[in-house]
PDB file of N, CA and C in Angstrom:
ATOM      1  N   UNK A   1     -16.682  -3.851 -11.000  1.00  0.00           N
ATOM      2  CA  UNK A   1     -15.739  -3.919  -9.680  1.00  0.00           C
ATOM      3  C   UNK A   1     -15.307  -5.367  -9.629  1.00  0.00           C
ATOM      4  N   UNK A   2     -14.397  -6.073  -9.878  1.00  0.00           N
ATOM      5  CA  UNK A   2     -13.748  -7.386  -9.982  1.00  0.00           C
ATOM      6  C   UNK A   2     -12.980  -7.807  -8.900  1.00  0.00           C
ATOM      7  N   UNK A   3     -13.433  -8.417  -7.989  1.00  0.00           N
ATOM      8  CA  UNK A   3     -12.562  -9.308  -6.782  1.00  0.00           C
ATOM      9  C   UNK A   3     -11.326  -9.811  -7.292  1.00  0.00           C
ATOM     10  N   UNK A   4     -10.121  -9.574  -6.853  1.00  0.00           N
ATOM     11  CA  UNK A   4      -9.093 -10.252  -7.049  1.00  0.00           C
ATOM     12  C   UNK A   4      -8.363 -10.627  -5.749  1.00  0.00           C
ATOM     13  N   UNK A   5      -7.571 -11.761  -6.061  1.00  0.00           N
ATOM     14  CA  UNK A   5      -6.672 -12.076  -4.927  1.00  0.00           C
ATOM     15  C   UNK A   5      -5.823 -11.407  -4.532  1.00  0.00           C
ATOM     16  N   UNK A   6      -5.334 -12.054  -3.501  1.00  0.00           N
ATOM     17  CA  UNK A   6      -4.298 -11.096  -2.772  1.00  0.00           C
ATOM     18  C   UNK A   6      -2.802 -11.287  -3.279  1.00  0.00           C
ATOM     19  N   UNK A   7      -2.792 -11.232  -4.912  1.00  0.00           N
ATOM     20  CA  UNK A   7      -1.555 -11.491  -5.468  1.00  0.00           C
ATOM     21  C   UNK A   7      -0.934 -10.315  -5.644  1.00  0.00           C
ATOM     22  N   UNK A   8      -1.206  -9.272  -5.903  1.00  0.00           N
ATOM     23  CA  UNK A   8      -0.878  -7.794  -6.121  1.00  0.00           C
ATOM     24  C   UNK A   8       0.130  -7.286  -5.009  1.00  0.00           C
ATOM     25  N   UNK A   9      -0.452  -7.135  -3.601  1.00  0.00           N
ATOM     26  CA  UNK A   9       0.446  -6.805  -2.785  1.00  0.00           C
ATOM     27  C   UNK A   9      -0.094  -7.683  -1.442  1.00  0.00           C
ATOM     28  N   UNK A  10       0.690  -8.500  -0.903  1.00  0.00           N
ATOM     29  CA  UNK A  10       0.918  -9.108   0.443  1.00  0.00           C
ATOM     30  C   UNK A  10       0.790  -7.893   1.558  1.00  0.00           C
ATOM     31  N   UNK A  11       0.214  -8.448   2.596  1.00  0.00           N
ATOM     32  CA  UNK A  11       0.108  -7.513   3.682  1.00  0.00           C
ATOM     33  C   UNK A  11       0.791  -8.351   4.992  1.00  0.00           C
ATOM     34  N   UNK A  12       1.549  -8.052   5.755  1.00  0.00           N
ATOM     35  CA  UNK A  12       2.179  -8.741   7.051  1.00  0.00           C
ATOM     36  C   UNK A  12       0.842  -8.551   8.141  1.00  0.00           C
ATOM     37  N   UNK A  13       1.274  -9.792   8.928  1.00  0.00           N
ATOM     38  CA  UNK A  13       0.469  -9.595   9.856  1.00  0.00           C
ATOM     39  C   UNK A  13       0.436  -8.430  11.061  1.00  0.00           C
ATOM     40  N   UNK A  14       1.613  -8.032  11.129  1.00  0.00           N
ATOM     41  CA  UNK A  14       1.854  -6.549  11.982  1.00  0.00           C
ATOM     42  C   UNK A  14       1.064  -5.488  11.300  1.00  0.00           C
ATOM     43  N   UNK A  15       1.296  -5.352   9.863  1.00  0.00           N
ATOM     44  CA  UNK A  15       0.736  -4.129   9.231  1.00  0.00           C
ATOM     45  C   UNK A  15      -0.756  -4.408   9.011  1.00  0.00           C
ATOM     46  N   UNK A  16      -1.340  -5.648   9.019  1.00  0.00           N
ATOM     47  CA  UNK A  16      -2.934  -5.734   8.946  1.00  0.00           C
ATOM     48  C   UNK A  16      -3.360  -5.565  10.478  1.00  0.00           C
ATOM     49  N   UNK A  17      -2.598  -5.654  11.568  1.00  0.00           N
ATOM     50  CA  UNK A  17      -3.099  -5.157  12.816  1.00  0.00           C
ATOM     51  C   UNK A  17      -3.002  -3.811  12.894  1.00  0.00           C
ATOM     52  N   UNK A  18      -2.282  -3.304  12.335  1.00  0.00           N
ATOM     53  CA  UNK A  18      -1.979  -1.648  12.554  1.00  0.00           C
ATOM     54  C   UNK A  18      -3.167  -1.004  11.708  1.00  0.00           C
ATOM     55  N   UNK A  19      -2.979  -1.454  10.766  1.00  0.00           N
ATOM     56  CA  UNK A  19      -4.345  -0.934   9.817  1.00  0.00           C
ATOM     57  C   UNK A  19      -5.485  -1.083  10.635  1.00  0.00           C
ATOM     58  N   UNK A  20      -5.872  -2.286  10.990  1.00  0.00           N
ATOM     59  CA  UNK A  20      -7.211  -2.305  11.410  1.00  0.00           C
ATOM     60  C   UNK A  20      -7.418  -1.654  12.764  1.00  0.00           C
ATOM     61  N   UNK A  21      -6.366  -1.547  13.540  1.00  0.00           N
ATOM     62  CA  UNK A  21      -6.418  -0.344  14.641  1.00  0.00           C
ATOM     63  C   UNK A  21      -6.313   1.220  14.008  1.00  0.00           C
ATOM     64  N   UNK A  22      -6.288   1.595  13.269  1.00  0.00           N
ATOM     65  CA  UNK A  22      -6.192   2.922  12.542  1.00  0.00           C
ATOM     66  C   UNK A  22      -7.462   3.214  11.948  1.00  0.00           C
ATOM     67  N   UNK A  23      -8.087   1.929  11.344  1.00  0.00           N
ATOM     68  CA  UNK A  23      -9.308   2.549  10.848  1.00  0.00           C
ATOM     69  C   UNK A  23     -10.372   2.322  11.944  1.00  0.00           C
ATOM     70  N   UNK A  24     -10.375   1.552  12.919  1.00  0.00           N
ATOM     71  CA  UNK A  24     -11.110   1.671  13.979  1.00  0.00           C
ATOM     72  C   UNK A  24     -10.892   3.162  14.558  1.00  0.00           C
ATOM     73  N   UNK A  25      -9.996   3.657  14.906  1.00  0.00           N
ATOM     74  CA  UNK A  25      -9.898   5.047  15.270  1.00  0.00           C
ATOM     75  C   UNK A  25     -10.712   6.141  14.304  1.00  0.00           C
ATOM     76  N   UNK A  26     -10.824   5.534  12.909  1.00  0.00           N
ATOM     77  CA  UNK A  26     -11.170   6.503  12.192  1.00  0.00           C
ATOM     78  C   UNK A  26     -12.664   6.437  12.250  1.00  0.00           C
ATOM     79  N   UNK A  27     -13.540   5.441  12.798  1.00  0.00           N
ATOM     80  CA  UNK A  27     -14.611   5.663  13.200  1.00  0.00           C
ATOM     81  C   UNK A  27     -15.767   5.127  12.018  1.00  0.00           C
ATOM     82  N   UNK A  28     -15.274   5.140  10.910  1.00  0.00           N
ATOM     83  CA  UNK A  28     -15.952   4.684   9.581  1.00  0.00           C
ATOM     84  C   UNK A  28     -15.962   3.291   9.255  1.00  0.00           C
ATOM     85  N   UNK A  29     -17.003   2.777   8.811  1.00  0.00           N
ATOM     86  CA  UNK A  29     -17.276   1.453   8.302  1.00  0.00           C
ATOM     87  C   UNK A  29     -16.917   1.075   7.069  1.00  0.00           C
ATOM     88  N   UNK A  30     -16.862   1.851   6.206  1.00  0.00           N
ATOM     89  CA  UNK A  30     -16.480   1.572   4.810  1.00  0.00           C
ATOM     90  C   UNK A  30     -15.339   1.674   3.999  1.00  0.00           C
ATOM     91  N   UNK A  31     -14.394   1.684   5.063  1.00  0.00           N
ATOM     92  CA  UNK A  31     -13.036   2.511   4.798  1.00  0.00           C
ATOM     93  C   UNK A  31     -12.006   1.407   4.176  1.00  0.00           C
ATOM     94  N   UNK A  32     -11.144   1.688   3.270  1.00  0.00           N
ATOM     95  CA  UNK A  32     -10.469   0.597   2.671  1.00  0.00           C
ATOM     96  C   UNK A  32      -8.839   1.083   2.555  1.00  0.00           C
ATOM     97  N   UNK A  33      -7.646   0.302   2.658  1.00  0.00           N
ATOM     98  CA  UNK A  33      -6.565   0.876   2.627  1.00  0.00           C
ATOM     99  C   UNK A  33      -6.151   0.981   0.774  1.00  0.00           C
ATOM    100  N   UNK A  34      -5.922   1.900   0.549  1.00  0.00           N
ATOM    101  CA  UNK A  34      -5.231   2.215  -0.901  1.00  0.00           C
ATOM    102  C   UNK A  34      -3.994   2.470  -1.008  1.00  0.00           C
ATOM    103  N   UNK A  35      -3.366   1.858  -1.519  1.00  0.00           N
ATOM    104  CA  UNK A  35      -1.901   2.019  -1.865  1.00  0.00           C
ATOM    105  C   UNK A  35      -1.700   2.056  -3.440  1.00  0.00           C
ATOM    106  N   UNK A  36      -0.957   2.977  -3.749  1.00  0.00           N
ATOM    107  CA  UNK A  36      -0.786   3.533  -5.125  1.00  0.00           C
ATOM    108  C   UNK A  36       0.699   3.968  -5.363  1.00  0.00           C
ATOM    109  N   UNK A  37       1.178   4.101  -6.606  1.00  0.00           N
ATOM    110  CA  UNK A  37       2.455   4.946  -7.314  1.00  0.00           C
ATOM    111  C   UNK A  37       2.223   6.125  -8.123  1.00  0.00           C
ATOM    112  N   UNK A  38       2.809   6.889  -7.501  1.00  0.00           N
ATOM    113  CA  UNK A  38       2.619   8.484  -8.051  1.00  0.00           C
ATOM    114  C   UNK A  38       3.820   8.871  -8.578  1.00  0.00           C
ATOM    115  N   UNK A  39       3.909   9.643  -9.653  1.00  0.00           N
ATOM    116  CA  UNK A  39       5.103  10.228 -10.013  1.00  0.00           C
ATOM    117  C   UNK A  39       5.729  11.325  -8.957  1.00  0.00           C
ATOM    118  N   UNK A  40       7.036  11.587  -8.601  1.00  0.00           N
ATOM    119  CA  UNK A  40       7.510  12.405  -7.643  1.00  0.00           C
ATOM    120  C   UNK A  40       8.799  12.131  -7.167  1.00  0.00           C
ATOM    121  N   UNK A  41       8.978  12.917  -6.115  1.00  0.00           N
ATOM    122  CA  UNK A  41      10.670  12.523  -5.860  1.00  0.00           C
ATOM    123  C   UNK A  41      11.639  12.901  -6.689  1.00  0.00           C
ATOM    124  N   UNK A  42      12.927  12.373  -5.984  1.00  0.00           N
ATOM    125  CA  UNK A  42      14.145  12.456  -6.707  1.00  0.00           C
ATOM    126  C   UNK A  42      14.219  11.479  -7.684  1.00  0.00           C
ATOM    127  N   UNK A  43      13.905  10.546  -7.579  1.00  0.00           N
ATOM    128  CA  UNK A  43      13.988   9.205  -8.494  1.00  0.00           C
ATOM    129  C   UNK A  43      12.612   8.759  -9.409  1.00  0.00           C
ATOM    130  N   UNK A  44      11.833   9.318  -9.472  1.00  0.00           N
ATOM    131  CA  UNK A  44      10.891   9.394 -10.164  1.00  0.00           C
ATOM    132  C   UNK A  44       9.339   8.889  -9.818  1.00  0.00           C
ATOM    133  N   UNK A  45       9.337   8.060  -8.705  1.00  0.00           N
ATOM    134  CA  UNK A  45       7.920   7.461  -7.953  1.00  0.00           C
ATOM    135  C   UNK A  45       8.144   7.554  -6.668  1.00  0.00           C
ATOM    136  N   UNK A  46       6.751   7.625  -6.091  1.00  0.00           N
ATOM    137  CA  UNK A  46       6.522   7.740  -4.685  1.00  0.00           C
ATOM    138  C   UNK A  46       5.382   7.049  -4.478  1.00  0.00           C
ATOM    139  N   UNK A  47       5.300   6.348  -3.164  1.00  0.00           N
ATOM    140  CA  UNK A  47       4.052   5.701  -2.920  1.00  0.00           C
ATOM    141  C   UNK A  47       3.040   6.777  -2.108  1.00  0.00           C
ATOM    142  N   UNK A  48       1.974   6.065  -2.387  1.00  0.00           N
ATOM    143  CA  UNK A  48       0.479   7.135  -1.851  1.00  0.00           C
ATOM    144  C   UNK A  48      -0.024   6.002  -1.239  1.00  0.00           C
ATOM    145  N   UNK A  49      -0.148   6.132   0.092  1.00  0.00           N
ATOM    146  CA  UNK A  49      -0.814   5.348   1.105  1.00  0.00           C
ATOM    147  C   UNK A  49      -1.569   6.004   1.792  1.00  0.00           C
ATOM    148  N   UNK A  50      -3.189   5.752   1.775  1.00  0.00           N
ATOM    149  CA  UNK A  50      -4.099   6.251   2.549  1.00  0.00           C
ATOM    150  C   UNK A  50      -5.316   5.514   2.871  1.00  0.00           C
ATOM    151  N   UNK A  51      -6.296   6.010   3.617  1.00  0.00           N
ATOM    152  CA  UNK A  51      -7.886   5.425   3.726  1.00  0.00           C
ATOM    153  C   UNK A  51      -8.495   5.981   2.941  1.00  0.00           C
ATOM    154  N   UNK A  52      -9.419   5.181   1.804  1.00  0.00           N
ATOM    155  CA  UNK A  52     -10.169   5.579   0.851  1.00  0.00           C
ATOM    156  C   UNK A  52     -11.520   4.839   1.143  1.00  0.00           C
ATOM    157  N   UNK A  53     -12.468   5.775   1.126  1.00  0.00           N
ATOM    158  CA  UNK A  53     -14.107   5.286   1.295  1.00  0.00           C
ATOM    159  C   UNK A  53     -14.576   5.103  -0.740  1.00  0.00           C
ATOM    160  N   UNK A  54     -13.892   5.596  -1.356  1.00  0.00           N
ATOM    161  CA  UNK A  54     -14.328   5.811  -2.862  1.00  0.00           C
ATOM    162  C   UNK A  54     -13.655   4.702  -3.697  1.00  0.00           C
ATOM    163  N   UNK A  55     -14.528   3.748  -4.318  1.00  0.00           N
ATOM    164  CA  UNK A  55     -13.908   2.826  -5.530  1.00  0.00           C
ATOM    165  C   UNK A  55     -14.210   3.267  -6.861  1.00  0.00           C
ATOM    166  N   UNK A  56     -13.101   3.395  -7.395  1.00  0.00           N
ATOM    167  CA  UNK A  56     -12.723   3.706  -8.996  1.00  0.00           C
ATOM    168  C   UNK A  56     -13.153   2.326  -9.896  1.00  0.00           C
ATOM    169  N   UNK A  57     -13.996   2.469 -10.954  1.00  0.00           N
ATOM    170  CA  UNK A  57     -14.227   1.409 -12.055  1.00  0.00           C
ATOM    171  C   UNK A  57     -13.022   0.604 -12.198  1.00  0.00           C
ATOM    172  N   UNK A  58     -11.723   1.210 -12.213  1.00  0.00           N
ATOM    173  CA  UNK A  58     -10.650   0.517 -12.616  1.00  0.00           C
ATOM    174  C   UNK A  58      -9.798  -0.039 -11.627  1.00  0.00           C
ATOM    175  N   UNK A  59     -10.315   0.249 -10.128  1.00  0.00           N
ATOM    176  CA  UNK A  59      -9.545  -0.259  -9.264  1.00  0.00           C
ATOM    177  C   UNK A  59      -9.598  -1.585  -9.030  1.00  0.00           C
ATOM    178  N   UNK A  60      -8.202  -2.359  -8.512  1.00  0.00           N
ATOM    179  CA  UNK A  60      -8.221  -3.738  -7.993  1.00  0.00           C
ATOM    180  C   UNK A  60      -8.461  -3.849  -6.556  1.00  0.00           C
ATOM    181  N   UNK A  61      -9.732  -4.414  -6.232  1.00  0.00           N
ATOM    182  CA  UNK A  61     -10.293  -4.332  -4.742  1.00  0.00           C
ATOM    183  C   UNK A  61     -10.120  -5.951  -4.313  1.00  0.00           C
ATOM    184  N   UNK A  62      -9.585  -6.235  -3.331  1.00  0.00           N
ATOM    185  CA  UNK A  62      -9.168  -7.266  -2.804  1.00  0.00           C
ATOM    186  C   UNK A  62      -9.301  -7.199  -1.071  1.00  0.00           C
ATOM    187  N   UNK A  63      -9.551  -8.285  -0.289  1.00  0.00           N
ATOM    188  CA  UNK A  63      -9.447  -8.540   0.916  1.00  0.00           C
ATOM    189  C   UNK A  63      -8.442  -9.584   1.707  1.00  0.00           C
ATOM    190  N   UNK A  64      -7.714  -9.114   2.462  1.00  0.00           N
ATOM    191  CA  UNK A  64      -6.508 -10.151   2.767  1.00  0.00           C
ATOM    192  C   UNK A  64      -6.354  -9.809   4.347  1.00  0.00           C
ATOM    193  N   UNK A  65      -6.202 -10.772   5.372  1.00  0.00           N
ATOM    194  CA  UNK A  65      -6.215 -10.570   6.929  1.00  0.00           C
ATOM    195  C   UNK A  65      -7.049  -9.654   7.306  1.00  0.00           C
ATOM    196  N   UNK A  66      -8.312  -9.505   6.859  1.00  0.00           N
ATOM    197  CA  UNK A  66      -9.262  -8.516   7.335  1.00  0.00           C
ATOM    198  C   UNK A  66      -9.329  -6.923   7.049  1.00  0.00           C
ATOM    199  N   UNK A  67      -8.227  -6.997   5.977  1.00  0.00           N
ATOM    200  CA  UNK A  67      -8.254  -5.489   5.481  1.00  0.00           C
ATOM    201  C   UNK A  67      -8.560  -5.453   3.914  1.00  0.00           C
ATOM    202  N   UNK A  68      -9.454  -4.690   3.723  1.00  0.00           N
ATOM    203  CA  UNK A  68      -9.913  -4.327   2.094  1.00  0.00           C
ATOM    204  C   UNK A  68      -8.988  -3.527   1.638  1.00  0.00           C
ATOM    205  N   UNK A  69      -8.205  -4.014   0.635  1.00  0.00           N
ATOM    206  CA  UNK A  69      -7.117  -2.833  -0.166  1.00  0.00           C
ATOM    207  C   UNK A  69      -7.892  -2.549  -1.485  1.00  0.00           C
ATOM    208  N   UNK A  70      -7.262  -1.448  -1.940  1.00  0.00           N
ATOM    209  CA  UNK A  70      -7.778  -0.893  -3.353  1.00  0.00           C
ATOM    210  C   UNK A  70      -6.351  -0.230  -3.636  1.00  0.00           C
ATOM    211  N   UNK A  71      -6.296  -0.961  -5.209  1.00  0.00           N
ATOM    212  CA  UNK A  71      -5.014  -0.317  -6.074  1.00  0.00           C
ATOM    213  C   UNK A  71      -5.533  -0.132  -7.095  1.00  0.00           C
ATOM    214  N   UNK A  72      -4.999   1.408  -7.749  1.00  0.00           N
ATOM    215  CA  UNK A  72      -5.702   1.881  -8.992  1.00  0.00           C
ATOM    216  C   UNK A  72      -4.845   1.081 -10.311  1.00  0.00           C
ATOM    217  N   UNK A  73      -5.550   0.951 -11.155  1.00  0.00           N
ATOM    218  CA  UNK A  73      -4.943  -0.036 -12.476  1.00  0.00           C
ATOM    219  C   UNK A  73      -3.547   0.565 -12.880  1.00  0.00           C
ATOM    220  N   UNK A  74      -3.300   2.034 -12.779  1.00  0.00           N
ATOM    221  CA  UNK A  74      -1.819   2.305 -13.306  1.00  0.00           C
ATOM    222  C   UNK A  74      -0.762   1.842 -12.303  1.00  0.00           C
ATOM    223  N   UNK A  75      -1.071   1.825 -11.054  1.00  0.00           N
ATOM    224  CA  UNK A  75       0.026   1.254  -9.893  1.00  0.00           C
ATOM    225  C   UNK A  75       0.312   0.015  -9.940  1.00  0.00           C
ATOM    226  N   UNK A  76      -0.566  -0.792 -10.442  1.00  0.00           N
ATOM    227  CA  UNK A  76      -0.450  -2.130 -10.461  1.00  0.00           C
ATOM    228  C   UNK A  76       0.858  -3.055 -11.002  1.00  0.00           C
ATOM    229  N   UNK A  77       1.291  -2.565 -12.350  1.00  0.00           N
ATOM    230  CA  UNK A  77       2.532  -3.231 -12.490  1.00  0.00           C
ATOM    231  C   UNK A  77       3.905  -2.807 -11.830  1.00  0.00           C
ATOM    232  N   UNK A  78       3.817  -1.661 -11.111  1.00  0.00           N
ATOM    233  CA  UNK A  78       4.778  -0.947 -10.418  1.00  0.00           C
ATOM    234  C   UNK A  78       4.860  -1.546  -9.063  1.00  0.00           C
ATOM    235  N   UNK A  79       3.760  -2.254  -8.695  1.00  0.00           N
ATOM    236  CA  UNK A  79       3.840  -2.510  -7.053  1.00  0.00           C
ATOM    237  C   UNK A  79       3.550  -4.211  -6.898  1.00  0.00           C
ATOM    238  N   UNK A  80       2.858  -4.779  -8.212  1.00  0.00           N
ATOM    239  CA  UNK A  80       2.932  -6.317  -8.285  1.00  0.00           C
ATOM    240  C   UNK A  80       4.154  -7.310  -7.561  1.00  0.00           C
ATOM    241  N   UNK A  81       3.522  -7.775  -6.493  1.00  0.00           N
ATOM    242  CA  UNK A  81       4.395  -8.844  -5.624  1.00  0.00           C
ATOM    243  C   UNK A  81       4.931  -7.848  -4.408  1.00  0.00           C
ATOM    244  N   UNK A  82       4.523  -6.745  -4.199  1.00  0.00           N
ATOM    245  CA  UNK A  82       5.267  -6.283  -2.982  1.00  0.00           C
ATOM    246  C   UNK A  82       4.359  -6.733  -1.961  1.00  0.00           C
ATOM    247  N   UNK A  83       5.013  -6.378  -0.540  1.00  0.00           N
ATOM    248  CA  UNK A  83       4.646  -6.994   0.822  1.00  0.00           C
ATOM    249  C   UNK A  83       4.525  -5.410   1.391  1.00  0.00           C
ATOM    250  N   UNK A  84       3.215  -5.386   1.985  1.00  0.00           N
ATOM    251  CA  UNK A  84       3.049  -4.106   2.842  1.00  0.00           C
ATOM    252  C   UNK A  84       3.435  -4.654   4.343  1.00  0.00           C
ATOM    253  N   UNK A  85       4.453  -3.825   4.995  1.00  0.00           N
ATOM    254  CA  UNK A  85       4.860  -4.313   6.420  1.00  0.00           C
ATOM    255  C   UNK A  85       4.487  -3.332   7.246  1.00  0.00           C
ATOM    256  N   UNK A  86       4.525  -3.299   8.667  1.00  0.00           N
ATOM    257  CA  UNK A  86       4.536  -2.417   9.667  1.00  0.00           C
ATOM    258  C   UNK A  86       5.845  -2.567  10.732  1.00  0.00           C
ATOM    259  N   UNK A  87       6.778  -1.857  10.934  1.00  0.00           N
ATOM    260  CA  UNK A  87       7.810  -2.177  11.521  1.00  0.00           C
ATOM    261  C   UNK A  87       7.939  -0.961  12.586  1.00  0.00           C
ATOM    262  N   UNK A  88       8.610  -1.585  13.915  1.00  0.00           N
ATOM    263  CA  UNK A  88       8.535  -0.784  15.073  1.00  0.00           C
ATOM    264  C   UNK A  88      10.070  -1.064  15.606  1.00  0.00           C
ATOM    265  N   UNK A  89      10.679  -0.255  15.535  1.00  0.00           N
ATOM    266  CA  UNK A  89      12.555  -0.473  16.339  1.00  0.00           C
ATOM    267  C   UNK A  89      12.626   0.591  16.607  1.00  0.00           C
ATOM    268  N   UNK A  90      14.071   0.570  16.955  1.00  0.00           N
ATOM    269  CA  UNK A  90      14.736   1.923  17.436  1.00  0.00           C
ATOM    270  C   UNK A  90      14.871   2.936  16.865  1.00  0.00           C
ATOM    271  N   UNK A  91      14.893   2.784  15.586  1.00  0.00           N
ATOM    272  CA  UNK A  91      15.135   3.947  14.585  1.00  0.00           C
ATOM    273  C   UNK A  91      13.824   4.254  14.067  1.00  0.00           C
ATOM    274  N   UNK A  92      12.662   3.791  14.658  1.00  0.00           N
ATOM    275  CA  UNK A  92      11.257   4.498  14.649  1.00  0.00           C
ATOM    276  C   UNK A  92      10.386   3.295  13.890  1.00  0.00           C
ATOM    277  N   UNK A  93       9.160   3.838  13.867  1.00  0.00           N
ATOM    278  CA  UNK A  93       8.050   3.246  13.493  1.00  0.00           C
ATOM    279  C   UNK A  93       7.262   3.466  12.332  1.00  0.00           C
ATOM    280  N   UNK A  94       6.821   2.665  11.353  1.00  0.00           N
ATOM    281  CA  UNK A  94       5.991   2.848  10.125  1.00  0.00           C
ATOM    282  C   UNK A  94       5.747   1.876   9.393  1.00  0.00           C
ATOM    283  N   UNK A  95       4.968   2.216   8.356  1.00  0.00           N
ATOM    284  CA  UNK A  95       4.686   1.041   7.324  1.00  0.00           C
ATOM    285  C   UNK A  95       5.999   1.200   5.962  1.00  0.00           C
ATOM    286  N   UNK A  96       6.100   0.166   5.676  1.00  0.00           N
ATOM    287  CA  UNK A  96       7.175  -0.193   4.715  1.00  0.00           C
ATOM    288  C   UNK A  96       6.613  -1.106   3.482  1.00  0.00           C
ATOM    289  N   UNK A  97       7.086  -0.533   2.149  1.00  0.00           N
ATOM    290  CA  UNK A  97       6.578  -1.448   1.187  1.00  0.00           C
ATOM    291  C   UNK A  97       8.056  -2.228   0.714  1.00  0.00           C
ATOM    292  N   UNK A  98       8.080  -3.338   0.828  1.00  0.00           N
ATOM    293  CA  UNK A  98       9.139  -4.281   0.223  1.00  0.00           C
ATOM    294  C   UNK A  98       8.614  -4.766  -1.140  1.00  0.00           C
ATOM    295  N   UNK A  99       9.297  -3.937  -2.224  1.00  0.00           N
ATOM    296  CA  UNK A  99       8.806  -4.000  -3.463  1.00  0.00           C
ATOM    297  C   UNK A  99       9.801  -4.574  -4.389  1.00  0.00           C
ATOM    298  N   UNK A 100       9.741  -5.854  -4.931  1.00  0.00           N
ATOM    299  CA  UNK A 100      10.672  -6.304  -5.906  1.00  0.00           C
ATOM    300  C   UNK A 100      11.293  -6.023  -7.026  1.00  0.00           C
ATOM    301  N   UNK A 101      10.152  -4.697  -7.533  1.00  0.00           N
ATOM    302  CA  UNK A 101       9.876  -4.191  -8.681  1.00  0.00           C
ATOM    303  C   UNK A 101      11.165  -2.879  -8.558  1.00  0.00           C
ATOM    304  N   UNK A 102      11.646  -2.632  -7.473  1.00  0.00           N
ATOM    305  CA  UNK A 102      12.617  -1.328  -7.413  1.00  0.00           C
ATOM    306  C   UNK A 102      13.814  -1.777  -7.969  1.00  0.00           C
ATOM    307  N   UNK A 103      14.219  -0.650  -8.741  1.00  0.00           N
ATOM    308  CA  UNK A 103      15.710  -0.820  -9.207  1.00  0.00           C
ATOM    309  C   UNK A 103      16.672  -0.036  -8.648  1.00  0.00           C
ATOM    310  N   UNK A 104      16.231   1.027  -7.959  1.00  0.00           N
ATOM    311  CA  UNK A 104      16.946   1.991  -7.364  1.00  0.00           C
ATOM    312  C   UNK A 104      16.018   2.977  -6.527  1.00  0.00           C
ATOM    313  N   UNK A 105      16.814   3.874  -5.810  1.00  0.00           N
ATOM    314  CA  UNK A 105      16.084   4.806  -5.095  1.00  0.00           C
ATOM    315  C   UNK A 105      17.034   6.220  -4.535  1.00  0.00           C
ATOM    316  N   UNK A 106      16.128   7.165  -4.198  1.00  0.00           N
ATOM    317  CA  UNK A 106      17.136   8.274  -3.881  1.00  0.00           C
ATOM    318  C   UNK A 106      17.947   8.283  -2.570  1.00  0.00           C
ATOM    319  N   UNK A 107      18.699   9.006  -1.993  1.00  0.00           N
ATOM    320  CA  UNK A 107      19.402   8.937  -0.851  1.00  0.00           C
ATOM    321  C   UNK A 107      18.612   9.134   0.443  1.00  0.00           C
ATOM    322  N   UNK A 108      17.526  10.058   0.295  1.00  0.00           N
ATOM    323  CA  UNK A 108      16.480  10.023   1.437  1.00  0.00           C
ATOM    324  C   UNK A 108      15.644   8.923   1.468  1.00  0.00           C
ATOM    325  N   UNK A 109      15.214   8.094   0.573  1.00  0.00           N
ATOM    326  CA  UNK A 109      14.490   6.882   0.925  1.00  0.00           C
ATOM    327  C   UNK A 109      13.174   7.466   0.350  1.00  0.00           C
ATOM    328  N   UNK A 110      12.744   8.504  -0.136  1.00  0.00           N
ATOM    329  CA  UNK A 110      11.536   8.602  -0.284  1.00  0.00           C
ATOM    330  C   UNK A 110      10.909   8.593  -1.516  1.00  0.00           C
ATOM    331  N   UNK A 111      11.692   8.059  -2.397  1.00  0.00           N
ATOM    332  CA  UNK A 111      11.335   7.753  -3.991  1.00  0.00           C
ATOM    333  C   UNK A 111      12.210   6.726  -4.498  1.00  0.00           C
ATOM    334  N   UNK A 112      11.692   5.925  -5.506  1.00  0.00           N
ATOM    335  CA  UNK A 112      12.482   4.956  -6.245  1.00  0.00           C
ATOM    336  C   UNK A 112      11.982   5.046  -7.720  1.00  0.00           C
ATOM    337  N   UNK A 113      13.138   4.115  -8.510  1.00  0.00           N
ATOM    338  CA  UNK A 113      12.714   3.792  -9.600  1.00  0.00           C
ATOM    339  C   UNK A 113      12.381   2.512 -10.175  1.00  0.00           C
ATOM    340  N   UNK A 114      11.709   2.065 -11.119  1.00  0.00           N
ATOM    341  CA  UNK A 114      11.215   0.633 -11.549  1.00  0.00           C
ATOM    342  C   UNK A 114      11.890   0.290 -12.761  1.00  0.00           C
TER     343      UNK A 114
END
């Protein structure tokens, strides 16, 4: 398992703080934020974002702003250069992936094409 620099996905300060808060609520020491891309949705791909305590042999593993992140090898080309953010506004709050590789998306906003 090789440590990678935070060049695959950058995380904003807001997202890092929210992730650390949520991880602390989980109460497990060895959790990491896993971000991946899976087939699905109207447009072809959906994000898969969750806490994980298992690291696969082909995962890219890096830490940035105090958050350990895992990305599976298949997802890397689809999310390379993305920014992981947390927004809190009048229309709601939640995590967002600002992905420069997205070429289009569905009307409901839950899936995308690369």
